[in-house]
N, C-alpha and C. Protein backbone atom coordinates (compact mmCIF):
# COMPACT_ATOMS: atom_id res chain seq x y z
N UNK A 1 -8.33 0.47 -70.70
CA UNK A 1 -7.51 -0.03 -69.62
C UNK A 1 -6.22 0.77 -69.52
N UNK A 2 -5.58 1.03 -70.69
CA UNK A 2 -4.33 1.81 -70.69
C UNK A 2 -4.59 3.21 -70.14
N UNK A 3 -5.74 3.77 -70.48
CA UNK A 3 -6.07 5.12 -70.03
C UNK A 3 -6.17 5.17 -68.50
N UNK A 4 -6.82 4.19 -67.88
CA UNK A 4 -6.93 4.14 -66.42
C UNK A 4 -5.57 3.94 -65.77
N UNK A 5 -4.72 3.15 -66.38
CA UNK A 5 -3.38 2.92 -65.85
C UNK A 5 -2.56 4.19 -65.89
N UNK A 6 -2.69 4.95 -66.97
CA UNK A 6 -1.97 6.23 -67.07
C UNK A 6 -2.44 7.22 -66.02
N UNK A 7 -3.75 7.29 -65.79
CA UNK A 7 -4.27 8.19 -64.76
C UNK A 7 -3.78 7.78 -63.38
N UNK A 8 -3.76 6.49 -63.12
CA UNK A 8 -3.27 5.98 -61.84
C UNK A 8 -1.79 6.30 -61.65
N UNK A 9 -1.01 6.12 -62.70
CA UNK A 9 0.42 6.43 -62.66
C UNK A 9 0.64 7.92 -62.41
N UNK A 10 -0.12 8.76 -63.09
CA UNK A 10 -0.01 10.21 -62.89
C UNK A 10 -0.38 10.59 -61.46
N UNK A 11 -1.44 10.02 -60.92
CA UNK A 11 -1.86 10.29 -59.55
C UNK A 11 -0.77 9.90 -58.55
N UNK A 12 -0.22 8.71 -58.70
CA UNK A 12 0.84 8.24 -57.80
C UNK A 12 2.05 9.14 -57.88
N UNK A 13 2.40 9.57 -59.09
CA UNK A 13 3.56 10.46 -59.26
C UNK A 13 3.33 11.80 -58.56
N UNK A 14 2.15 12.39 -58.77
CA UNK A 14 1.88 13.70 -58.17
C UNK A 14 1.81 13.63 -56.65
N UNK A 15 1.18 12.62 -56.11
CA UNK A 15 1.06 12.50 -54.65
C UNK A 15 2.43 12.28 -54.02
N UNK A 16 3.30 11.57 -54.70
CA UNK A 16 4.63 11.28 -54.15
C UNK A 16 5.67 12.31 -54.51
N UNK A 17 5.29 13.36 -55.24
CA UNK A 17 6.30 14.33 -55.70
C UNK A 17 6.72 15.27 -54.57
N UNK A 18 7.93 15.82 -54.66
CA UNK A 18 8.42 16.77 -53.64
C UNK A 18 7.56 18.02 -53.52
N UNK A 19 6.85 18.41 -54.59
CA UNK A 19 5.99 19.59 -54.53
C UNK A 19 4.95 19.44 -53.44
N UNK A 20 4.29 18.30 -53.39
CA UNK A 20 3.26 18.09 -52.38
C UNK A 20 3.87 17.88 -51.00
N UNK A 21 5.08 17.35 -50.94
CA UNK A 21 5.75 17.19 -49.64
C UNK A 21 6.03 18.55 -49.02
N UNK A 22 6.42 19.54 -49.83
CA UNK A 22 6.66 20.89 -49.32
C UNK A 22 5.36 21.52 -48.85
N UNK A 23 4.28 21.34 -49.62
CA UNK A 23 2.99 21.93 -49.27
C UNK A 23 2.47 21.37 -47.95
N UNK A 24 2.74 20.10 -47.65
CA UNK A 24 2.26 19.50 -46.41
C UNK A 24 3.02 20.03 -45.20
N UNK A 25 4.28 20.38 -45.36
CA UNK A 25 5.10 20.83 -44.24
C UNK A 25 5.18 22.35 -44.26
N UNK A 26 4.07 23.02 -43.96
CA UNK A 26 4.00 24.47 -44.03
C UNK A 26 4.89 25.15 -42.99
N UNK A 27 5.18 24.46 -41.87
CA UNK A 27 5.99 25.09 -40.83
C UNK A 27 7.45 25.21 -41.23
N UNK A 28 7.89 24.42 -42.20
CA UNK A 28 9.27 24.50 -42.67
C UNK A 28 9.36 25.51 -43.81
N UNK A 29 10.40 26.34 -43.79
CA UNK A 29 10.59 27.32 -44.86
C UNK A 29 11.30 26.62 -46.01
N UNK A 30 10.69 26.61 -47.21
CA UNK A 30 11.32 25.94 -48.34
C UNK A 30 12.63 26.63 -48.74
N UNK A 31 13.53 25.82 -49.28
CA UNK A 31 14.82 26.32 -49.74
C UNK A 31 14.99 25.93 -51.21
N UNK A 32 15.65 26.79 -51.98
CA UNK A 32 16.02 26.50 -53.35
C UNK A 32 17.49 26.84 -53.49
N UNK A 33 18.30 25.86 -53.80
CA UNK A 33 19.75 26.03 -53.96
C UNK A 33 20.35 26.79 -52.77
N UNK A 34 19.94 26.42 -51.56
CA UNK A 34 20.48 27.03 -50.35
C UNK A 34 19.92 28.41 -50.04
N UNK A 35 18.93 28.84 -50.77
CA UNK A 35 18.31 30.14 -50.53
C UNK A 35 16.88 29.96 -50.03
N UNK A 36 16.47 30.84 -49.13
CA UNK A 36 15.12 30.79 -48.58
C UNK A 36 14.13 31.28 -49.63
N UNK A 37 13.00 30.61 -49.73
CA UNK A 37 11.94 31.05 -50.63
C UNK A 37 11.03 32.00 -49.86
N UNK A 38 10.93 33.23 -50.35
CA UNK A 38 10.09 34.25 -49.72
C UNK A 38 8.95 34.62 -50.65
N UNK A 39 7.85 35.07 -50.07
CA UNK A 39 6.76 35.60 -50.87
C UNK A 39 7.10 37.02 -51.31
N UNK A 40 6.31 37.56 -52.22
CA UNK A 40 6.61 38.91 -52.69
C UNK A 40 6.28 39.97 -51.64
N UNK A 41 5.51 39.60 -50.61
CA UNK A 41 5.28 40.47 -49.46
C UNK A 41 5.58 39.64 -48.21
N UNK A 42 6.37 40.20 -47.30
CA UNK A 42 6.77 39.48 -46.08
C UNK A 42 6.65 40.39 -44.87
N UNK A 43 6.48 39.78 -43.71
CA UNK A 43 6.57 40.50 -42.44
C UNK A 43 8.05 40.68 -42.13
N UNK A 44 8.42 41.86 -41.66
CA UNK A 44 9.79 42.12 -41.21
C UNK A 44 9.72 42.85 -39.88
N UNK A 45 10.82 42.81 -39.14
CA UNK A 45 10.92 43.55 -37.88
C UNK A 45 12.12 44.47 -38.01
N UNK A 46 11.90 45.76 -37.77
CA UNK A 46 12.94 46.78 -37.83
C UNK A 46 13.33 47.15 -36.41
N UNK A 47 14.62 47.26 -36.16
CA UNK A 47 15.16 47.70 -34.87
C UNK A 47 14.63 46.87 -33.69
N UNK A 48 14.40 45.59 -33.93
CA UNK A 48 14.05 44.68 -32.85
C UNK A 48 12.60 44.61 -32.45
N UNK A 49 11.79 45.67 -32.73
CA UNK A 49 10.40 45.59 -32.26
C UNK A 49 9.37 46.35 -33.08
N UNK A 50 9.72 46.87 -34.25
CA UNK A 50 8.73 47.54 -35.10
C UNK A 50 8.37 46.56 -36.22
N UNK A 51 7.14 46.04 -36.14
CA UNK A 51 6.64 45.03 -37.07
C UNK A 51 6.05 45.73 -38.29
N UNK A 52 6.58 45.43 -39.49
CA UNK A 52 6.14 46.09 -40.71
C UNK A 52 5.95 45.07 -41.83
N UNK A 53 5.30 45.50 -42.90
CA UNK A 53 5.20 44.69 -44.11
C UNK A 53 6.20 45.21 -45.12
N UNK A 54 6.85 44.28 -45.84
CA UNK A 54 7.86 44.66 -46.82
C UNK A 54 7.54 44.04 -48.17
N UNK A 55 7.76 44.82 -49.21
CA UNK A 55 7.65 44.36 -50.58
C UNK A 55 9.02 43.88 -51.02
N UNK A 56 9.13 42.63 -51.46
CA UNK A 56 10.40 42.10 -51.97
C UNK A 56 10.53 42.57 -53.41
N UNK A 57 11.55 43.34 -53.71
CA UNK A 57 11.67 43.96 -55.02
C UNK A 57 13.08 43.81 -55.58
N UNK A 58 13.41 42.62 -56.11
CA UNK A 58 14.76 42.43 -56.64
C UNK A 58 15.07 43.26 -57.88
N UNK A 59 14.07 43.89 -58.47
CA UNK A 59 14.33 44.76 -59.63
C UNK A 59 14.91 46.11 -59.21
N UNK A 60 14.72 46.48 -57.94
CA UNK A 60 15.28 47.73 -57.42
C UNK A 60 16.60 47.44 -56.70
N UNK A 61 17.57 48.26 -56.94
CA UNK A 61 18.88 48.08 -56.32
C UNK A 61 18.83 48.41 -54.83
N UNK A 62 18.18 49.51 -54.47
CA UNK A 62 18.19 50.01 -53.11
C UNK A 62 16.92 49.62 -52.35
N UNK A 63 17.02 49.62 -51.03
CA UNK A 63 15.88 49.38 -50.16
C UNK A 63 15.37 50.72 -49.64
N UNK A 64 14.08 50.77 -49.37
CA UNK A 64 13.46 52.00 -48.87
C UNK A 64 12.69 51.72 -47.59
N UNK A 65 12.66 52.73 -46.73
CA UNK A 65 11.92 52.67 -45.47
C UNK A 65 11.02 53.89 -45.42
N UNK A 66 9.72 53.65 -45.32
CA UNK A 66 8.76 54.74 -45.23
C UNK A 66 8.73 55.32 -43.84
N UNK A 67 9.04 56.60 -43.72
CA UNK A 67 9.15 57.24 -42.40
C UNK A 67 8.19 58.42 -42.29
N UNK A 68 7.94 58.83 -41.06
CA UNK A 68 7.11 60.00 -40.76
C UNK A 68 7.99 61.06 -40.12
N UNK A 69 7.70 62.31 -40.36
CA UNK A 69 8.34 63.45 -39.68
C UNK A 69 9.87 63.41 -39.76
N UNK A 70 10.41 63.25 -40.95
CA UNK A 70 11.86 63.18 -41.14
C UNK A 70 12.51 64.55 -40.94
N UNK A 71 13.53 64.59 -40.07
CA UNK A 71 14.31 65.80 -39.83
C UNK A 71 15.78 65.39 -39.76
N UNK A 72 16.65 66.19 -40.37
CA UNK A 72 18.08 65.92 -40.34
C UNK A 72 18.76 67.06 -39.59
N UNK A 73 19.58 66.70 -38.60
CA UNK A 73 20.30 67.69 -37.80
C UNK A 73 21.76 67.30 -37.74
N UNK A 74 22.60 68.31 -37.61
CA UNK A 74 24.03 68.06 -37.48
C UNK A 74 24.43 68.22 -36.02
N UNK A 75 25.16 67.22 -35.51
CA UNK A 75 25.65 67.24 -34.14
C UNK A 75 27.11 66.80 -34.13
N UNK A 76 27.97 67.63 -33.61
CA UNK A 76 29.40 67.30 -33.52
C UNK A 76 30.00 66.90 -34.87
N UNK A 77 29.59 67.60 -35.91
CA UNK A 77 30.13 67.35 -37.25
C UNK A 77 29.53 66.15 -37.97
N UNK A 78 28.56 65.47 -37.38
CA UNK A 78 27.92 64.33 -38.02
C UNK A 78 26.42 64.59 -38.15
N UNK A 79 25.84 64.06 -39.22
CA UNK A 79 24.41 64.24 -39.45
C UNK A 79 23.63 63.08 -38.86
N UNK A 80 22.47 63.42 -38.26
CA UNK A 80 21.57 62.42 -37.69
C UNK A 80 20.17 62.66 -38.24
N UNK A 81 19.48 61.56 -38.55
CA UNK A 81 18.10 61.64 -39.02
C UNK A 81 17.18 61.27 -37.86
N UNK A 82 16.21 62.12 -37.60
CA UNK A 82 15.17 61.83 -36.61
C UNK A 82 13.88 61.57 -37.39
N UNK A 83 13.20 60.49 -37.04
CA UNK A 83 11.98 60.13 -37.76
C UNK A 83 11.17 59.17 -36.91
N UNK A 84 9.97 58.89 -37.37
CA UNK A 84 9.09 57.94 -36.68
C UNK A 84 8.71 56.83 -37.65
N UNK A 85 8.49 55.65 -37.11
CA UNK A 85 7.98 54.51 -37.87
C UNK A 85 6.65 54.10 -37.27
N UNK A 86 5.68 53.82 -38.11
CA UNK A 86 4.38 53.34 -37.63
C UNK A 86 4.28 51.86 -37.95
N UNK A 87 4.19 51.05 -36.91
CA UNK A 87 4.11 49.60 -37.07
C UNK A 87 2.74 49.15 -37.55
N UNK A 88 2.62 47.85 -37.82
CA UNK A 88 1.37 47.29 -38.33
C UNK A 88 0.22 47.47 -37.35
N UNK A 89 0.51 47.51 -36.07
CA UNK A 89 -0.55 47.64 -35.06
C UNK A 89 -0.91 49.10 -34.79
N UNK A 90 -0.34 50.02 -35.57
CA UNK A 90 -0.67 51.43 -35.44
C UNK A 90 0.18 52.19 -34.44
N UNK A 91 1.06 51.51 -33.74
CA UNK A 91 1.92 52.19 -32.78
C UNK A 91 3.06 52.89 -33.52
N UNK A 92 3.47 54.01 -33.00
CA UNK A 92 4.53 54.80 -33.61
C UNK A 92 5.74 54.82 -32.67
N UNK A 93 6.92 54.67 -33.25
CA UNK A 93 8.15 54.70 -32.47
C UNK A 93 9.12 55.69 -33.10
N UNK A 94 9.75 56.52 -32.27
CA UNK A 94 10.70 57.52 -32.75
C UNK A 94 12.12 56.95 -32.78
N UNK A 95 12.90 57.41 -33.77
CA UNK A 95 14.28 56.98 -33.94
C UNK A 95 15.18 58.17 -34.20
N UNK A 96 16.44 58.02 -33.82
CA UNK A 96 17.49 58.98 -34.17
C UNK A 96 18.68 58.13 -34.62
N UNK A 97 19.02 58.23 -35.91
CA UNK A 97 20.01 57.35 -36.52
C UNK A 97 21.03 58.18 -37.29
N UNK A 98 22.28 57.75 -37.25
CA UNK A 98 23.35 58.42 -37.97
C UNK A 98 23.13 58.29 -39.48
N UNK A 99 23.25 59.40 -40.19
CA UNK A 99 23.10 59.43 -41.65
C UNK A 99 24.40 58.96 -42.27
N UNK A 100 24.31 58.02 -43.23
CA UNK A 100 25.54 57.56 -43.90
C UNK A 100 25.67 58.13 -45.30
N UNK A 101 24.60 58.70 -45.86
CA UNK A 101 24.67 59.36 -47.17
C UNK A 101 23.60 60.43 -47.25
N UNK A 102 24.02 61.60 -47.67
CA UNK A 102 23.12 62.74 -47.84
C UNK A 102 23.79 63.67 -48.85
N UNK A 103 23.70 63.32 -50.12
CA UNK A 103 24.41 64.08 -51.15
C UNK A 103 23.44 64.61 -52.18
N UNK A 104 23.85 65.69 -52.81
CA UNK A 104 23.07 66.25 -53.91
C UNK A 104 23.61 65.69 -55.23
N UNK A 105 22.71 65.49 -56.19
CA UNK A 105 23.11 65.05 -57.52
C UNK A 105 23.75 66.23 -58.24
N UNK A 106 24.50 65.98 -59.32
CA UNK A 106 25.11 67.08 -60.07
C UNK A 106 24.10 68.11 -60.57
N UNK A 107 22.85 67.69 -60.82
CA UNK A 107 21.84 68.64 -61.29
C UNK A 107 21.22 69.45 -60.15
N UNK A 108 21.71 69.25 -58.93
CA UNK A 108 21.24 70.01 -57.78
C UNK A 108 20.10 69.37 -57.00
N UNK A 109 19.50 68.31 -57.56
CA UNK A 109 18.42 67.63 -56.85
C UNK A 109 19.01 66.80 -55.71
N UNK A 110 18.34 66.85 -54.59
CA UNK A 110 18.81 66.13 -53.41
C UNK A 110 18.38 64.67 -53.46
N UNK A 111 19.30 63.76 -53.13
CA UNK A 111 18.98 62.34 -53.05
C UNK A 111 18.42 62.04 -51.67
N UNK A 112 17.69 60.93 -51.55
CA UNK A 112 17.14 60.58 -50.23
C UNK A 112 18.24 60.34 -49.20
N UNK A 113 17.90 60.59 -47.94
CA UNK A 113 18.79 60.30 -46.81
C UNK A 113 18.95 58.79 -46.71
N UNK A 114 20.17 58.32 -46.43
CA UNK A 114 20.43 56.89 -46.29
C UNK A 114 20.96 56.61 -44.89
N UNK A 115 20.37 55.59 -44.24
CA UNK A 115 20.78 55.16 -42.91
C UNK A 115 20.88 53.64 -42.88
N UNK A 116 21.47 53.12 -41.82
CA UNK A 116 21.48 51.67 -41.57
C UNK A 116 20.54 51.39 -40.41
N UNK A 117 19.70 50.36 -40.57
CA UNK A 117 18.77 49.96 -39.50
C UNK A 117 18.78 48.44 -39.39
N UNK A 118 18.73 47.90 -38.15
CA UNK A 118 18.65 46.45 -37.98
C UNK A 118 17.33 45.92 -38.54
N UNK A 119 17.42 44.79 -39.23
CA UNK A 119 16.26 44.20 -39.90
C UNK A 119 16.23 42.70 -39.66
N UNK A 120 15.06 42.18 -39.37
CA UNK A 120 14.86 40.73 -39.30
C UNK A 120 13.91 40.35 -40.41
N UNK A 121 14.38 39.49 -41.31
CA UNK A 121 13.59 39.00 -42.44
C UNK A 121 13.70 37.48 -42.42
N UNK A 122 12.64 36.80 -41.98
CA UNK A 122 12.71 35.34 -41.85
C UNK A 122 13.79 34.97 -40.85
N UNK A 123 14.77 34.21 -41.29
CA UNK A 123 15.86 33.81 -40.40
C UNK A 123 17.06 34.76 -40.49
N UNK A 124 16.99 35.77 -41.35
CA UNK A 124 18.11 36.67 -41.55
C UNK A 124 18.04 37.88 -40.63
N UNK A 125 19.16 38.17 -39.97
CA UNK A 125 19.29 39.36 -39.15
C UNK A 125 20.38 40.21 -39.79
N UNK A 126 19.97 41.34 -40.36
CA UNK A 126 20.85 42.18 -41.17
C UNK A 126 20.83 43.61 -40.68
N UNK A 127 21.76 44.40 -41.17
CA UNK A 127 21.74 45.84 -40.94
C UNK A 127 21.95 46.53 -42.29
N UNK A 128 20.92 46.49 -43.14
CA UNK A 128 21.07 47.05 -44.48
C UNK A 128 20.93 48.56 -44.51
N UNK A 129 21.31 49.12 -45.65
CA UNK A 129 21.11 50.54 -45.90
C UNK A 129 19.67 50.75 -46.38
N UNK A 130 19.04 51.80 -45.87
CA UNK A 130 17.69 52.17 -46.30
C UNK A 130 17.68 53.62 -46.74
N UNK A 131 17.01 53.89 -47.82
CA UNK A 131 16.69 55.26 -48.18
C UNK A 131 15.44 55.63 -47.40
N UNK A 132 15.47 56.77 -46.72
CA UNK A 132 14.32 57.23 -45.95
C UNK A 132 13.43 58.06 -46.87
N UNK A 133 12.22 57.58 -47.10
CA UNK A 133 11.33 58.22 -48.07
C UNK A 133 9.89 58.23 -47.54
N UNK A 134 9.04 58.94 -48.25
CA UNK A 134 7.61 58.94 -47.96
C UNK A 134 6.98 57.80 -48.76
N UNK A 135 6.55 56.76 -48.08
CA UNK A 135 5.89 55.63 -48.75
C UNK A 135 4.40 55.59 -48.39
N UNK A 136 3.83 56.73 -48.05
CA UNK A 136 2.43 56.76 -47.63
C UNK A 136 1.47 56.38 -48.75
N UNK A 137 1.90 56.47 -50.01
CA UNK A 137 1.04 56.10 -51.12
C UNK A 137 1.14 54.61 -51.46
N UNK A 138 1.99 53.90 -50.74
CA UNK A 138 2.18 52.47 -50.99
C UNK A 138 1.56 51.66 -49.86
N UNK A 139 1.22 50.41 -50.15
CA UNK A 139 0.64 49.54 -49.13
C UNK A 139 1.69 49.06 -48.13
N UNK A 140 2.91 48.84 -48.57
CA UNK A 140 3.97 48.35 -47.70
C UNK A 140 4.90 49.50 -47.30
N UNK A 141 5.29 49.52 -46.03
CA UNK A 141 6.14 50.58 -45.50
C UNK A 141 7.60 50.39 -45.88
N UNK A 142 7.95 49.17 -46.29
CA UNK A 142 9.35 48.83 -46.58
C UNK A 142 9.42 48.21 -47.97
N UNK A 143 10.46 48.58 -48.71
CA UNK A 143 10.78 47.91 -49.97
C UNK A 143 12.19 47.38 -49.84
N UNK A 144 12.35 46.07 -49.97
CA UNK A 144 13.67 45.46 -49.90
C UNK A 144 14.16 45.18 -51.31
N UNK A 145 15.32 45.74 -51.62
CA UNK A 145 15.86 45.63 -52.97
C UNK A 145 16.90 44.54 -53.11
N UNK A 146 17.52 44.54 -54.28
CA UNK A 146 18.48 43.51 -54.67
C UNK A 146 19.66 43.39 -53.72
N UNK A 147 20.14 44.50 -53.17
CA UNK A 147 21.28 44.44 -52.24
C UNK A 147 21.00 43.57 -51.03
N UNK A 148 19.78 43.56 -50.55
CA UNK A 148 19.41 42.76 -49.38
C UNK A 148 19.08 41.33 -49.78
N UNK A 149 18.41 41.16 -50.91
CA UNK A 149 17.88 39.85 -51.29
C UNK A 149 18.90 38.95 -52.01
N UNK A 150 19.83 39.53 -52.73
CA UNK A 150 20.75 38.75 -53.56
C UNK A 150 21.55 37.75 -52.73
N UNK A 151 21.56 36.50 -53.19
CA UNK A 151 22.32 35.46 -52.53
C UNK A 151 21.66 34.89 -51.29
N UNK A 152 20.56 35.49 -50.84
CA UNK A 152 19.88 35.03 -49.62
C UNK A 152 18.52 34.40 -49.90
N UNK A 153 17.81 34.94 -50.90
CA UNK A 153 16.42 34.55 -51.07
C UNK A 153 16.04 34.41 -52.54
N UNK A 154 15.03 33.58 -52.75
CA UNK A 154 14.36 33.45 -54.04
C UNK A 154 12.94 33.93 -53.78
N UNK A 155 12.43 34.78 -54.66
CA UNK A 155 11.10 35.36 -54.46
C UNK A 155 10.07 34.55 -55.26
N UNK A 156 9.02 34.11 -54.57
CA UNK A 156 7.91 33.42 -55.21
C UNK A 156 6.78 34.44 -55.36
N UNK A 157 6.53 34.94 -56.57
CA UNK A 157 5.51 35.97 -56.74
C UNK A 157 4.08 35.48 -56.55
N UNK A 158 3.89 34.17 -56.38
CA UNK A 158 2.54 33.65 -56.20
C UNK A 158 2.13 33.55 -54.74
N UNK A 159 3.02 33.93 -53.81
CA UNK A 159 2.69 33.77 -52.39
C UNK A 159 3.11 35.01 -51.58
N UNK A 160 2.57 35.10 -50.38
CA UNK A 160 2.95 36.15 -49.44
C UNK A 160 3.19 35.50 -48.08
N UNK A 161 3.93 36.19 -47.24
CA UNK A 161 4.17 35.79 -45.86
C UNK A 161 4.63 34.33 -45.73
N UNK A 162 5.65 33.97 -46.49
CA UNK A 162 6.18 32.60 -46.47
C UNK A 162 7.12 32.35 -45.30
N UNK A 163 7.75 33.39 -44.78
CA UNK A 163 8.74 33.21 -43.70
C UNK A 163 8.52 34.28 -42.63
N UNK A 164 8.05 33.88 -41.48
CA UNK A 164 7.83 34.83 -40.39
C UNK A 164 9.17 35.22 -39.76
N UNK A 165 9.32 36.47 -39.32
CA UNK A 165 10.58 36.89 -38.70
C UNK A 165 10.89 36.08 -37.43
N UNK A 166 12.14 35.68 -37.30
CA UNK A 166 12.61 34.97 -36.11
C UNK A 166 13.75 35.80 -35.54
N UNK A 167 13.42 36.72 -34.64
CA UNK A 167 14.38 37.72 -34.17
C UNK A 167 14.77 37.53 -32.71
N UNK A 168 14.75 36.34 -32.21
CA UNK A 168 15.08 36.12 -30.80
C UNK A 168 16.46 36.65 -30.46
N UNK A 169 17.45 36.37 -31.30
CA UNK A 169 18.82 36.83 -31.04
C UNK A 169 18.91 38.35 -31.10
N UNK A 170 18.20 38.97 -32.06
CA UNK A 170 18.22 40.42 -32.20
C UNK A 170 17.61 41.09 -30.98
N UNK A 171 16.49 40.57 -30.48
CA UNK A 171 15.85 41.14 -29.29
C UNK A 171 16.74 40.98 -28.07
N UNK A 172 17.44 39.86 -27.97
CA UNK A 172 18.35 39.63 -26.83
C UNK A 172 19.51 40.63 -26.88
N UNK A 173 20.09 40.83 -28.07
CA UNK A 173 21.20 41.78 -28.21
C UNK A 173 20.75 43.18 -27.86
N UNK A 174 19.52 43.55 -28.31
CA UNK A 174 18.99 44.90 -28.06
C UNK A 174 18.82 45.12 -26.56
N UNK A 175 18.22 44.15 -25.86
CA UNK A 175 17.98 44.34 -24.43
C UNK A 175 19.28 44.32 -23.64
N UNK A 176 20.28 43.56 -24.08
CA UNK A 176 21.55 43.56 -23.37
C UNK A 176 22.31 44.86 -23.58
N UNK A 177 22.13 45.50 -24.74
CA UNK A 177 22.77 46.81 -24.97
C UNK A 177 22.16 47.88 -24.07
N UNK A 178 20.83 47.80 -23.87
CA UNK A 178 20.17 48.80 -23.02
C UNK A 178 20.64 48.70 -21.59
N UNK A 179 20.88 47.47 -21.12
CA UNK A 179 21.24 47.30 -19.72
C UNK A 179 22.69 47.65 -19.44
N UNK A 180 23.55 47.65 -20.47
CA UNK A 180 24.97 47.97 -20.22
C UNK A 180 25.28 49.42 -20.38
């Protein structure tokens, strides 16, 4: 009799626990201590309309963006990076962005080009720094590091695609800039 009562008590506890309440409300993004819970792989939108997959990597300090056909040119004393991004649907979009870092290490090896690009990650609209690199050997075109994730998100390594990008404001800002 005690054994059945214990099983019943355990069942009632588990069914009424907050864990199951979160699982039932899949449309709501879970929060932990005011931070969004993200999967280790998430959908992101770059520059308002390039849909990509990103690896959440809090062990890496910097974020990376996998680009195609990278070229750096100097115009009016400033460096600009020209490159293409290939979205998840296979479409390619060209970009020309101001370079914010392009330095050689003391040993003479060149560091990756660094630029800022608008990013939508879940509910966050950011303009983080990205190292422009060849990520063709990786499954995800974007790696988001600690600088982007710290203080904003908790990573759940057991899940993917926990928070879909919500970029309505970013798309509105982009279209209003084009018209002015």
